[in-house]
C-alpha atoms as a PDB file:
ATOM      1  CA  MET A   1      81.930  79.674  73.234  1.00  0.00           C
ATOM      2  CA  THR A   2      81.360  80.439  69.524  1.00  0.00           C
ATOM      3  CA  ASP A   3      79.919  77.063  68.474  1.00  0.00           C
ATOM      4  CA  THR A   4      76.187  77.867  68.514  1.00  0.00           C
ATOM      5  CA  PRO A   5      74.833  74.244  68.398  1.00  0.00           C
ATOM      6  CA  ALA A   6      77.183  73.174  71.205  1.00  0.00           C
ATOM      7  CA  ARG A   7      76.259  76.248  73.236  1.00  0.00           C
ATOM      8  CA  LEU A   8      72.538  75.553  72.795  1.00  0.00           C
ATOM      9  CA  LEU A   9      73.013  71.978  73.995  1.00  0.00           C
ATOM     10  CA  ASN A  10      74.917  73.181  77.072  1.00  0.00           C
ATOM     11  CA  LEU A  11      72.248  75.812  77.755  1.00  0.00           C
ATOM     12  CA  LEU A  12      69.494  73.205  77.443  1.00  0.00           C
ATOM     13  CA  SER A  13      71.371  70.869  79.780  1.00  0.00           C
ATOM     14  CA  LEU A  14      71.499  73.608  82.423  1.00  0.00           C
ATOM     15  CA  LEU A  15      67.812  74.483  82.005  1.00  0.00           C
ATOM     16  CA  GLN A  16      66.798  70.845  82.448  1.00  0.00           C
ATOM     17  CA  THR A  17      68.033  71.075  86.044  1.00  0.00           C
ATOM     18  CA  PRO A  18      64.884  71.814  88.121  1.00  0.00           C
ATOM     19  CA  ARG A  19      65.637  75.387  89.193  1.00  0.00           C
ATOM     20  CA  GLU A  20      65.421  78.957  87.932  1.00  0.00           C
ATOM     21  CA  TRP A  21      68.585  80.334  86.321  1.00  0.00           C
ATOM     22  CA  PRO A  22      69.336  84.078  86.385  1.00  0.00           C
ATOM     23  CA  GLY A  23      70.335  85.254  82.921  1.00  0.00           C
ATOM     24  CA  SER A  24      73.604  86.628  84.271  1.00  0.00           C
ATOM     25  CA  GLU A  25      74.549  83.235  85.742  1.00  0.00           C
ATOM     26  CA  LEU A  26      73.789  81.442  82.462  1.00  0.00           C
ATOM     27  CA  ALA A  27      75.914  84.008  80.594  1.00  0.00           C
ATOM     28  CA  GLU A  28      78.782  83.462  83.030  1.00  0.00           C
ATOM     29  CA  ARG A  29      78.518  79.671  82.815  1.00  0.00           C
ATOM     30  CA  LEU A  30      78.597  79.701  79.013  1.00  0.00           C
ATOM     31  CA  ALA A  31      81.081  82.592  78.713  1.00  0.00           C
ATOM     32  CA  VAL A  32      78.797  84.724  76.514  1.00  0.00           C
ATOM     33  CA  SER A  33      76.873  87.960  76.907  1.00  0.00           C
ATOM     34  CA  PRO A  34      73.358  88.204  78.397  1.00  0.00           C
ATOM     35  CA  ARG A  35      72.176  89.319  74.963  1.00  0.00           C
ATOM     36  CA  THR A  36      73.447  86.032  73.460  1.00  0.00           C
ATOM     37  CA  ILE A  37      71.610  84.119  76.173  1.00  0.00           C
ATOM     38  CA  ARG A  38      68.358  85.896  75.264  1.00  0.00           C
ATOM     39  CA  ARG A  39      68.829  84.988  71.584  1.00  0.00           C
ATOM     40  CA  ASP A  40      69.585  81.366  72.485  1.00  0.00           C
ATOM     41  CA  ILE A  41      66.478  81.200  74.676  1.00  0.00           C
ATOM     42  CA  ASP A  42      64.421  82.369  71.681  1.00  0.00           C
ATOM     43  CA  ARG A  43      66.023  79.637  69.525  1.00  0.00           C
ATOM     44  CA  LEU A  44      65.077  76.982  72.094  1.00  0.00           C
ATOM     45  CA  ARG A  45      61.506  78.257  72.148  1.00  0.00           C
ATOM     46  CA  ASP A  46      61.393  78.033  68.354  1.00  0.00           C
ATOM     47  CA  LEU A  47      62.476  74.387  68.685  1.00  0.00           C
ATOM     48  CA  GLY A  48      59.536  73.677  71.009  1.00  0.00           C
ATOM     49  CA  TYR A  49      61.200  73.934  74.423  1.00  0.00           C
ATOM     50  CA  PRO A  50      58.863  75.818  76.833  1.00  0.00           C
ATOM     51  CA  VAL A  51      61.320  78.193  78.516  1.00  0.00           C
ATOM     52  CA  GLU A  52      59.628  80.594  80.914  1.00  0.00           C
ATOM     53  CA  ALA A  53      61.169  83.966  81.822  1.00  0.00           C
ATOM     54  CA  SER A  54      60.543  85.706  85.127  1.00  0.00           C
ATOM     55  CA  ARG A  55      60.340  89.459  85.476  1.00  0.00           C
ATOM     56  CA  GLY A  56      62.457  91.521  87.819  1.00  0.00           C
ATOM     57  CA  ALA A  57      65.731  93.397  88.122  1.00  0.00           C
ATOM     58  CA  VAL A  58      67.771  90.241  87.620  1.00  0.00           C
ATOM     59  CA  GLY A  59      65.353  88.045  85.661  1.00  0.00           C
ATOM     60  CA  GLY A  60      65.576  84.317  85.312  1.00  0.00           C
ATOM     61  CA  TYR A  61      64.732  81.366  83.085  1.00  0.00           C
ATOM     62  CA  ARG A  62      63.438  77.885  83.735  1.00  0.00           C
ATOM     63  CA  LEU A  63      62.126  75.013  81.645  1.00  0.00           C
ATOM     64  CA  VAL A  64      58.443  74.337  82.331  1.00  0.00           C
ATOM     65  CA  ALA A  65      55.934  71.716  81.257  1.00  0.00           C
ATOM     66  CA  GLY A  66      54.553  72.206  77.761  1.00  0.00           C
ATOM     67  CA  ALA A  67      51.939  70.619  75.536  1.00  0.00           C
ATOM     68  CA  ALA A  68      54.418  67.957  74.393  1.00  0.00           C
ATOM     69  CA  MET A  69      57.568  66.483  75.865  1.00  0.00           C
ATOM     70  CA  PRO A  70      60.669  67.805  74.062  1.00  0.00           C
ATOM     71  CA  PRO A  71      63.859  65.726  73.703  1.00  0.00           C
ATOM     72  CA  LEU A  72      65.918  65.366  76.882  1.00  0.00           C
ATOM     73  CA  LEU A  73      69.677  65.607  77.189  1.00  0.00           C
ATOM     74  CA  LEU A  74      71.233  62.867  79.296  1.00  0.00           C
ATOM     75  CA  ASP A  75      74.866  62.290  80.171  1.00  0.00           C
ATOM     76  CA  ASP A  76      76.275  58.739  80.274  1.00  0.00           C
ATOM     77  CA  GLU A  77      75.596  58.159  83.972  1.00  0.00           C
ATOM     78  CA  GLU A  78      72.017  59.449  83.726  1.00  0.00           C
ATOM     79  CA  ALA A  79      71.274  57.259  80.697  1.00  0.00           C
ATOM     80  CA  VAL A  80      72.608  54.145  82.452  1.00  0.00           C
ATOM     81  CA  ALA A  81      70.644  54.945  85.624  1.00  0.00           C
ATOM     82  CA  ILE A  82      67.386  55.389  83.677  1.00  0.00           C
ATOM     83  CA  ALA A  83      67.883  52.194  81.671  1.00  0.00           C
ATOM     84  CA  VAL A  84      68.578  50.128  84.799  1.00  0.00           C
ATOM     85  CA  GLY A  85      65.593  51.701  86.545  1.00  0.00           C
ATOM     86  CA  LEU A  86      63.284  50.882  83.651  1.00  0.00           C
ATOM     87  CA  ARG A  87      64.478  47.285  83.559  1.00  0.00           C
ATOM     88  CA  ALA A  88      63.799  46.986  87.275  1.00  0.00           C
ATOM     89  CA  GLY A  89      60.394  48.675  86.980  1.00  0.00           C
ATOM     90  CA  ALA A  90      58.453  45.429  86.734  1.00  0.00           C
ATOM     91  CA  GLY A  91      60.036  44.218  89.973  1.00  0.00           C
ATOM     92  CA  HIS A  92      58.834  47.134  92.082  1.00  0.00           C
ATOM     93  CA  ALA A  93      55.397  47.726  93.514  1.00  0.00           C
ATOM     94  CA  ILE A  94      54.257  50.413  91.086  1.00  0.00           C
ATOM     95  CA  GLU A  95      50.802  49.841  89.649  1.00  0.00           C
ATOM     96  CA  GLY A  96      50.633  49.398  85.878  1.00  0.00           C
ATOM     97  CA  VAL A  97      54.228  50.377  85.186  1.00  0.00           C
ATOM     98  CA  GLU A  98      55.483  47.187  83.533  1.00  0.00           C
ATOM     99  CA  GLU A  99      54.244  47.798  79.977  1.00  0.00           C
ATOM    100  CA  ALA A 100      55.226  51.471  80.008  1.00  0.00           C
ATOM    101  CA  SER A 101      58.696  50.510  81.288  1.00  0.00           C
ATOM    102  CA  VAL A 102      59.177  48.092  78.406  1.00  0.00           C
ATOM    103  CA  ARG A 103      58.134  50.684  75.806  1.00  0.00           C
ATOM    104  CA  ALA A 104      60.360  53.383  77.263  1.00  0.00           C
ATOM    105  CA  LEU A 105      63.296  51.001  77.617  1.00  0.00           C
ATOM    106  CA  ALA A 106      62.991  49.930  73.972  1.00  0.00           C
ATOM    107  CA  LYS A 107      63.198  53.556  72.860  1.00  0.00           C
ATOM    108  CA  LEU A 108      66.151  54.301  75.111  1.00  0.00           C
ATOM    109  CA  GLU A 109      68.210  51.234  74.242  1.00  0.00           C
ATOM    110  CA  GLN A 110      67.689  51.912  70.542  1.00  0.00           C
ATOM    111  CA  VAL A 111      69.781  55.094  70.833  1.00  0.00           C
ATOM    112  CA  LEU A 112      72.224  54.020  73.574  1.00  0.00           C
ATOM    113  CA  PRO A 113      75.855  53.745  72.402  1.00  0.00           C
ATOM    114  CA  SER A 114      77.189  50.183  72.514  1.00  0.00           C
ATOM    115  CA  ARG A 115      79.483  50.994  75.442  1.00  0.00           C
ATOM    116  CA  LEU A 116      76.480  52.064  77.524  1.00  0.00           C
ATOM    117  CA  ARG A 117      74.340  49.091  76.472  1.00  0.00           C
ATOM    118  CA  HIS A 118      77.157  46.857  77.714  1.00  0.00           C
ATOM    119  CA  ARG A 119      77.268  48.693  81.064  1.00  0.00           C
ATOM    120  CA  VAL A 120      73.518  48.355  81.509  1.00  0.00           C
ATOM    121  CA  SER A 121      73.566  44.632  80.696  1.00  0.00           C
ATOM    122  CA  THR A 122      76.526  43.991  82.993  1.00  0.00           C
ATOM    123  CA  LEU A 123      74.894  45.758  85.922  1.00  0.00           C
ATOM    124  CA  GLN A 124      71.538  44.101  85.337  1.00  0.00           C
ATOM    125  CA  ASN A 125      73.036  40.610  85.061  1.00  0.00           C
ATOM    126  CA  ALA A 126      75.025  41.078  88.268  1.00  0.00           C
ATOM    127  CA  THR A 127      72.041  42.069  90.413  1.00  0.00           C
ATOM    128  CA  LEU A 128      68.994  40.164  91.599  1.00  0.00           C
ATOM    129  CA  PRO A 129      66.001  42.074  93.017  1.00  0.00           C
ATOM    130  CA  LEU A 130      64.394  40.201  95.913  1.00  0.00           C
ATOM    131  CA  THR A 131      60.827  41.467  96.228  1.00  0.00           C
ATOM    132  CA  ARG A 132      57.684  40.158  97.847  1.00  0.00           C
ATOM    133  CA  GLY A 133      54.316  41.075  96.466  1.00  0.00           C
ATOM    134  CA  ASP A 134      51.762  41.843  99.158  1.00  0.00           C
ATOM    135  CA  GLY A 135      49.183  43.769  97.155  1.00  0.00           C
ATOM    136  CA  ALA A 136      50.575  47.158  98.260  1.00  0.00           C
ATOM    137  CA  THR A 137      50.892  48.860  94.882  1.00  0.00           C
ATOM    138  CA  VAL A 138      51.643  52.532  94.296  1.00  0.00           C
ATOM    139  CA  ALA A 139      49.972  54.647  91.625  1.00  0.00           C
ATOM    140  CA  PRO A 140      52.696  56.104  89.344  1.00  0.00           C
ATOM    141  CA  GLN A 141      51.138  59.580  89.526  1.00  0.00           C
ATOM    142  CA  THR A 142      51.418  59.506  93.324  1.00  0.00           C
ATOM    143  CA  LEU A 143      55.080  58.590  93.132  1.00  0.00           C
ATOM    144  CA  THR A 144      55.899  61.226  90.521  1.00  0.00           C
ATOM    145  CA  ALA A 145      53.972  63.939  92.392  1.00  0.00           C
ATOM    146  CA  LEU A 146      55.955  63.258  95.562  1.00  0.00           C
ATOM    147  CA  ALA A 147      59.238  63.003  93.663  1.00  0.00           C
ATOM    148  CA  GLY A 148      58.584  66.381  92.035  1.00  0.00           C
ATOM    149  CA  ALA A 149      57.907  67.963  95.430  1.00  0.00           C
ATOM    150  CA  VAL A 150      61.107  66.468  96.851  1.00  0.00           C
ATOM    151  CA  THR A 151      63.148  67.847  93.959  1.00  0.00           C
ATOM    152  CA  GLY A 152      61.501  71.276  94.036  1.00  0.00           C
ATOM    153  CA  GLN A 153      61.491  71.494  97.875  1.00  0.00           C
ATOM    154  CA  GLU A 154      57.754  72.199  97.922  1.00  0.00           C
ATOM    155  CA  LYS A 155      55.425  71.528 100.836  1.00  0.00           C
ATOM    156  CA  VAL A 156      52.904  68.766 100.120  1.00  0.00           C
ATOM    157  CA  ARG A 157      49.395  68.036 101.374  1.00  0.00           C
ATOM    158  CA  PHE A 158      47.937  64.536 101.161  1.00  0.00           C
ATOM    159  CA  GLY A 159      45.538  62.137 102.776  1.00  0.00           C
ATOM    160  CA  TYR A 160      47.088  59.286 104.765  1.00  0.00           C
ATOM    161  CA  ARG A 161      45.708  55.959 106.002  1.00  0.00           C
ATOM    162  CA  ALA A 162      47.586  54.551 108.996  1.00  0.00           C
ATOM    163  CA  GLY A 163      48.099  50.853 109.708  1.00  0.00           C
ATOM    164  CA  ASP A 164      44.980  50.797 111.910  1.00  0.00           C
ATOM    165  CA  SER A 165      42.958  52.360 109.024  1.00  0.00           C
ATOM    166  CA  THR A 166      42.793  55.785 110.712  1.00  0.00           C
ATOM    167  CA  GLU A 167      42.465  58.519 108.084  1.00  0.00           C
ATOM    168  CA  SER A 168      44.226  61.882 108.449  1.00  0.00           C
ATOM    169  CA  LYS A 169      45.328  64.907 106.446  1.00  0.00           C
ATOM    170  CA  ARG A 170      49.042  65.768 106.417  1.00  0.00           C
ATOM    171  CA  LEU A 171      51.121  68.814 105.516  1.00  0.00           C
ATOM    172  CA  VAL A 172      54.798  67.910 105.162  1.00  0.00           C
ATOM    173  CA  GLU A 173      58.157  69.028 103.875  1.00  0.00           C
ATOM    174  CA  PRO A 174      59.208  66.013 101.752  1.00  0.00           C
ATOM    175  CA  TYR A 175      62.874  65.054 101.945  1.00  0.00           C
ATOM    176  CA  ARG A 176      63.440  61.657 100.290  1.00  0.00           C
ATOM    177  CA  LEU A 177      61.616  58.757  98.642  1.00  0.00           C
ATOM    178  CA  VAL A 178      63.008  55.400  99.790  1.00  0.00           C
ATOM    179  CA  SER A 179      62.447  52.052  98.056  1.00  0.00           C
ATOM    180  CA  THR A 180      62.966  48.899 100.110  1.00  0.00           C
ATOM    181  CA  GLY A 181      62.191  46.632  97.132  1.00  0.00           C
ATOM    182  CA  ARG A 182      58.849  45.649  98.682  1.00  0.00           C
ATOM    183  CA  ARG A 183      57.487  49.124  99.351  1.00  0.00           C
ATOM    184  CA  TRP A 184      58.053  52.836  98.779  1.00  0.00           C
ATOM    185  CA  TYR A 185      58.339  55.220 101.726  1.00  0.00           C
ATOM    186  CA  LEU A 186      58.401  59.022 101.991  1.00  0.00           C
ATOM    187  CA  VAL A 187      60.727  60.551 104.585  1.00  0.00           C
ATOM    188  CA  ALA A 188      59.366  63.991 105.464  1.00  0.00           C
ATOM    189  CA  TYR A 189      59.055  66.592 108.210  1.00  0.00           C
ATOM    190  CA  ASP A 190      55.461  66.645 109.461  1.00  0.00           C
ATOM    191  CA  LEU A 191      54.638  70.291 110.093  1.00  0.00           C
ATOM    192  CA  GLU A 192      51.571  69.624 112.264  1.00  0.00           C
ATOM    193  CA  ARG A 193      53.448  67.156 114.493  1.00  0.00           C
ATOM    194  CA  SER A 194      56.740  69.084 114.419  1.00  0.00           C
ATOM    195  CA  ASP A 195      58.794  65.950 113.870  1.00  0.00           C
ATOM    196  CA  TRP A 196      60.306  63.729 111.194  1.00  0.00           C
ATOM    197  CA  ARG A 197      58.005  60.976 109.925  1.00  0.00           C
ATOM    198  CA  THR A 198      57.970  58.146 107.392  1.00  0.00           C
ATOM    199  CA  PHE A 199      54.898  57.429 105.258  1.00  0.00           C
ATOM    200  CA  ARG A 200      54.115  54.333 103.220  1.00  0.00           C
ATOM    201  CA  VAL A 201      53.438  55.707  99.755  1.00  0.00           C
ATOM    202  CA  ASP A 202      50.770  53.080  99.012  1.00  0.00           C
ATOM    203  CA  ARG A 203      48.763  54.635 101.874  1.00  0.00           C
ATOM    204  CA  VAL A 204      49.107  58.191 100.518  1.00  0.00           C
ATOM    205  CA  SER A 205      46.146  59.644  98.597  1.00  0.00           C
ATOM    206  CA  ASP A 206      45.723  62.802  96.511  1.00  0.00           C
ATOM    207  CA  PRO A 207      49.183  64.335  97.034  1.00  0.00           C
ATOM    208  CA  PHE A 208      49.169  68.035  96.185  1.00  0.00           C
ATOM    209  CA  ALA A 209      52.261  70.231  95.934  1.00  0.00           C
ATOM    210  CA  THR A 210      51.229  73.556  97.490  1.00  0.00           C
ATOM    211  CA  GLY A 211      53.798  75.652  95.615  1.00  0.00           C
ATOM    212  CA  ALA A 212      55.151  76.932  98.951  1.00  0.00           C
ATOM    213  CA  ARG A 213      58.883  76.274  99.120  1.00  0.00           C
ATOM    214  CA  TYR A 214      60.784  75.473 102.299  1.00  0.00           C
ATOM    215  CA  ALA A 215      64.361  75.742 103.521  1.00  0.00           C
ATOM    216  CA  ALA A 216      66.020  72.370 104.067  1.00  0.00           C
ATOM    217  CA  ARG A 217      66.113  71.339 107.740  1.00  0.00           C
ATOM    218  CA  GLU A 218      69.016  69.666 109.464  1.00  0.00           C
ATOM    219  CA  LEU A 219      68.398  65.929 109.562  1.00  0.00           C
ATOM    220  CA  PRO A 220      68.788  63.909 112.766  1.00  0.00           C
ATOM    221  CA  THR A 221      72.030  62.004 113.258  1.00  0.00           C
ATOM    222  CA  GLY A 222      72.286  59.278 110.637  1.00  0.00           C
ATOM    223  CA  GLY A 223      70.106  61.066 108.075  1.00  0.00           C
ATOM    224  CA  ALA A 224      67.152  59.574 106.209  1.00  0.00           C
ATOM    225  CA  ALA A 225      68.475  56.028 106.629  1.00  0.00           C
ATOM    226  CA  ALA A 226      68.407  56.358 110.422  1.00  0.00           C
ATOM    227  CA  ILE A 227      64.857  57.750 110.333  1.00  0.00           C
ATOM    228  CA  MET A 228      63.739  54.775 108.231  1.00  0.00           C
ATOM    229  CA  THR A 229      65.512  52.288 110.507  1.00  0.00           C
ATOM    230  CA  ARG A 230      63.862  53.687 113.631  1.00  0.00           C
ATOM    231  CA  ALA A 231      60.439  53.752 111.989  1.00  0.00           C
ATOM    232  CA  MET A 232      60.686  50.160 110.785  1.00  0.00           C
ATOM    233  CA  SER A 233      61.954  49.030 114.199  1.00  0.00           C
ATOM    234  CA  ARG A 234      58.886  50.548 115.855  1.00  0.00           C
ATOM    235  CA  ALA A 235      56.600  48.899 113.306  1.00  0.00           C
ATOM    236  CA  GLN A 236      58.170  45.448 113.770  1.00  0.00           C
ATOM    237  CA  PRO A 237      58.537  44.111 117.353  1.00  0.00           C
ATOM    238  CA  GLU A 238      61.930  42.734 118.371  1.00  0.00           C
ATOM    239  CA  LEU A 239      62.361  38.972 118.599  1.00  0.00           C
ATOM    240  CA  ASP A 240      64.874  37.144 120.798  1.00  0.00           C
ATOM    241  CA  LEU A 241      66.189  34.604 118.327  1.00  0.00           C
ATOM    242  CA  ASP A 242      67.828  31.407 119.635  1.00  0.00           C
ATOM    243  CA  VAL A 243      68.739  28.673 117.117  1.00  0.00           C
ATOM    244  CA  THR A 244      71.246  25.788 117.118  1.00  0.00           C
ATOM    245  CA  PHE A 245      72.715  24.622 113.775  1.00  0.00           C
ATOM    246  CA  ALA A 246      74.275  21.230 113.027  1.00  0.00           C
ATOM    247  CA  ALA A 247      77.030  22.821 110.941  1.00  0.00           C
ATOM    248  CA  PRO A 248      80.231  24.842 111.479  1.00  0.00           C
ATOM    249  CA  ALA A 249      79.825  28.535 112.303  1.00  0.00           C
ATOM    250  CA  GLU A 250      81.661  29.566 109.108  1.00  0.00           C
ATOM    251  CA  PHE A 251      79.209  27.587 106.971  1.00  0.00           C
ATOM    252  CA  VAL A 252      76.159  29.111 108.669  1.00  0.00           C
ATOM    253  CA  ALA A 253      77.522  32.672 108.762  1.00  0.00           C
ATOM    254  CA  ALA A 254      78.089  32.609 104.997  1.00  0.00           C
ATOM    255  CA  ARG A 255      74.380  31.904 104.499  1.00  0.00           C
ATOM    256  CA  LEU A 256      72.901  34.397 106.957  1.00  0.00           C
ATOM    257  CA  PRO A 257      72.772  38.215 106.941  1.00  0.00           C
ATOM    258  CA  SER A 258      75.628  39.954 108.747  1.00  0.00           C
ATOM    259  CA  HIS A 259      73.347  41.137 111.577  1.00  0.00           C
ATOM    260  CA  LEU A 260      72.712  37.479 112.545  1.00  0.00           C
ATOM    261  CA  PRO A 261      76.192  36.102 113.435  1.00  0.00           C
ATOM    262  CA  PRO A 262      76.363  32.562 114.880  1.00  0.00           C
ATOM    263  CA  THR A 263      78.788  31.529 117.649  1.00  0.00           C
ATOM    264  CA  PRO A 264      80.751  28.234 117.436  1.00  0.00           C
ATOM    265  CA  VAL A 265      79.752  25.512 119.913  1.00  0.00           C
ATOM    266  CA  THR A 266      81.840  22.643 118.511  1.00  0.00           C
ATOM    267  CA  GLU A 267      83.666  22.132 115.238  1.00  0.00           C
ATOM    268  CA  ASP A 268      80.443  20.889 113.673  1.00  0.00           C
ATOM    269  CA  SER A 269      77.803  23.026 115.393  1.00  0.00           C
ATOM    270  CA  CYS A 270      77.033  26.621 116.311  1.00  0.00           C
ATOM    271  CA  ARG A 271      74.357  28.667 118.024  1.00  0.00           C
ATOM    272  CA  LEU A 272      72.690  31.910 117.036  1.00  0.00           C
ATOM    273  CA  ARG A 273      71.435  34.229 119.773  1.00  0.00           C
ATOM    274  CA  ALA A 274      70.377  37.638 118.539  1.00  0.00           C
ATOM    275  CA  ARG A 275      67.699  40.296 118.873  1.00  0.00           C
ATOM    276  CA  ALA A 276      66.036  40.684 115.480  1.00  0.00           C
ATOM    277  CA  VAL A 277      63.438  43.122 114.149  1.00  0.00           C
ATOM    278  CA  ASP A 278      62.652  40.926 111.147  1.00  0.00           C
ATOM    279  CA  SER A 279      59.305  39.217 110.585  1.00  0.00           C
ATOM    280  CA  VAL A 280      58.856  35.577 111.593  1.00  0.00           C
ATOM    281  CA  GLU A 281      58.053  34.743 107.952  1.00  0.00           C
ATOM    282  CA  TRP A 282      61.359  36.198 106.769  1.00  0.00           C
ATOM    283  CA  LEU A 283      63.344  34.538 109.573  1.00  0.00           C
ATOM    284  CA  ALA A 284      61.812  31.143 108.859  1.00  0.00           C
ATOM    285  CA  LEU A 285      62.798  31.336 105.187  1.00  0.00           C
ATOM    286  CA  ARG A 286      66.338  32.537 105.973  1.00  0.00           C
ATOM    287  CA  LEU A 287      66.874  29.686 108.429  1.00  0.00           C
ATOM    288  CA  ALA A 288      65.611  27.143 105.885  1.00  0.00           C
ATOM    289  CA  LEU A 289      68.006  28.510 103.253  1.00  0.00           C
ATOM    290  CA  VAL A 290      71.028  27.758 105.467  1.00  0.00           C
ATOM    291  CA  ASP A 291      70.693  24.192 104.149  1.00  0.00           C
ATOM    292  CA  CYS A 292      71.539  22.233 107.298  1.00  0.00           C
ATOM    293  CA  ALA A 293      69.669  20.749 110.263  1.00  0.00           C
ATOM    294  CA  PHE A 294      68.742  23.281 112.949  1.00  0.00           C
ATOM    295  CA  THR A 295      66.713  23.507 116.156  1.00  0.00           C
ATOM    296  CA  ILE A 296      64.733  26.603 117.148  1.00  0.00           C
ATOM    297  CA  HIS A 297      64.714  27.305 120.912  1.00  0.00           C
ATOM    298  CA  GLY A 298      62.866  30.616 120.616  1.00  0.00           C
ATOM    299  CA  PRO A 299      60.931  32.785 120.205  1.00  0.00           C
ATOM    300  CA  ASP A 300      57.603  31.003 120.497  1.00  0.00           C
ATOM    301  CA  GLN A 301      56.113  32.954 117.547  1.00  0.00           C
ATOM    302  CA  LEU A 302      58.811  31.609 115.262  1.00  0.00           C
ATOM    303  CA  ILE A 303      58.412  28.025 116.526  1.00  0.00           C
ATOM    304  CA  THR A 304      54.663  28.170 115.923  1.00  0.00           C
ATOM    305  CA  TYR A 305      55.059  29.632 112.446  1.00  0.00           C
ATOM    306  CA  VAL A 306      57.665  27.033 111.397  1.00  0.00           C
ATOM    307  CA  ARG A 307      55.400  24.200 112.602  1.00  0.00           C
ATOM    308  CA  GLU A 308      52.481  25.583 110.575  1.00  0.00           C
ATOM    309  CA  LEU A 309      54.710  26.128 107.546  1.00  0.00           C
ATOM    310  CA  SER A 310      56.146  22.624 107.710  1.00  0.00           C
ATOM    311  CA  ALA A 311      52.644  21.160 107.883  1.00  0.00           C
ATOM    312  CA  ARG A 312      51.623  23.085 104.780  1.00  0.00           C
ATOM    313  CA  LEU A 313      54.773  21.987 102.954  1.00  0.00           C
ATOM    314  CA  ARG A 314      54.213  18.333 103.853  1.00  0.00           C
ATOM    315  CA  THR A 315      50.669  18.559 102.544  1.00  0.00           C
ATOM    316  CA  ALA A 316      51.861  20.185  99.350  1.00  0.00           C
ATOM    317  CA  ALA A 317      54.563  17.558  98.835  1.00  0.00           C
ATOM    318  CA  ALA A 318      52.042  14.729  99.385  1.00  0.00           C
END
């Protein structure tokens, strides 16, 4: 590769991956000599990129944090992903991120090619985030600290407040951050409990990456999604749902989630019997959105909540 500017861009793109690159591997990737790699590293440093070199028989390079943030190289897919994420930033429970998202998005869209701006707009217009604010906001620095530890496979210490307000200190191997739209969760292996755990990020305090790296463990069957599903099932008790609808089963099924399938009773009615792990608040709203008459036979918690909700709605309408 004799085109020096193109080679520097490719070298920078490799270094922006969060890992240490042996000089020999960089030389092989770019089809140049190790001496050329050393010269190119010096050029990047002259341009303000903080490239750190490690000592040793092999030696390696990695991009580290500097006094200022240098320009980043993004491919098309990365640019689209960042733009969509910034647009959605105001809809997620991250404290104080809205204004910063708008500023960053303005800078990014100013330099996006028209073909990418069209992709971002198309994706954004075709999706609708459904979130519910409950006061559980996450400090951006907490989220970024955990994300950095996940990427770098570093063990993390943090304080954690459980649902019953019990405080504890945790040492974990972080695996994934999961956003449900309402909340952020950390899926991690808890070293002191010797088991996989999920942590609500809004209950995490003072996360600290220890610098100690870990080898990735084999996940349980189903991966991080299965861990999250089991954790949320334990947190939310199951409800035996029993509802009759004055509408055909096809009509009702089209307006309910797939895990709540109704069974036809007659041509103009159907019945839903299912075990649900959803909250009574969520179930009440989903039933109301079916847009037909219905009768709730159980559970009692749902009947009570719907009665209270209907009383509040009648008062509001009056």
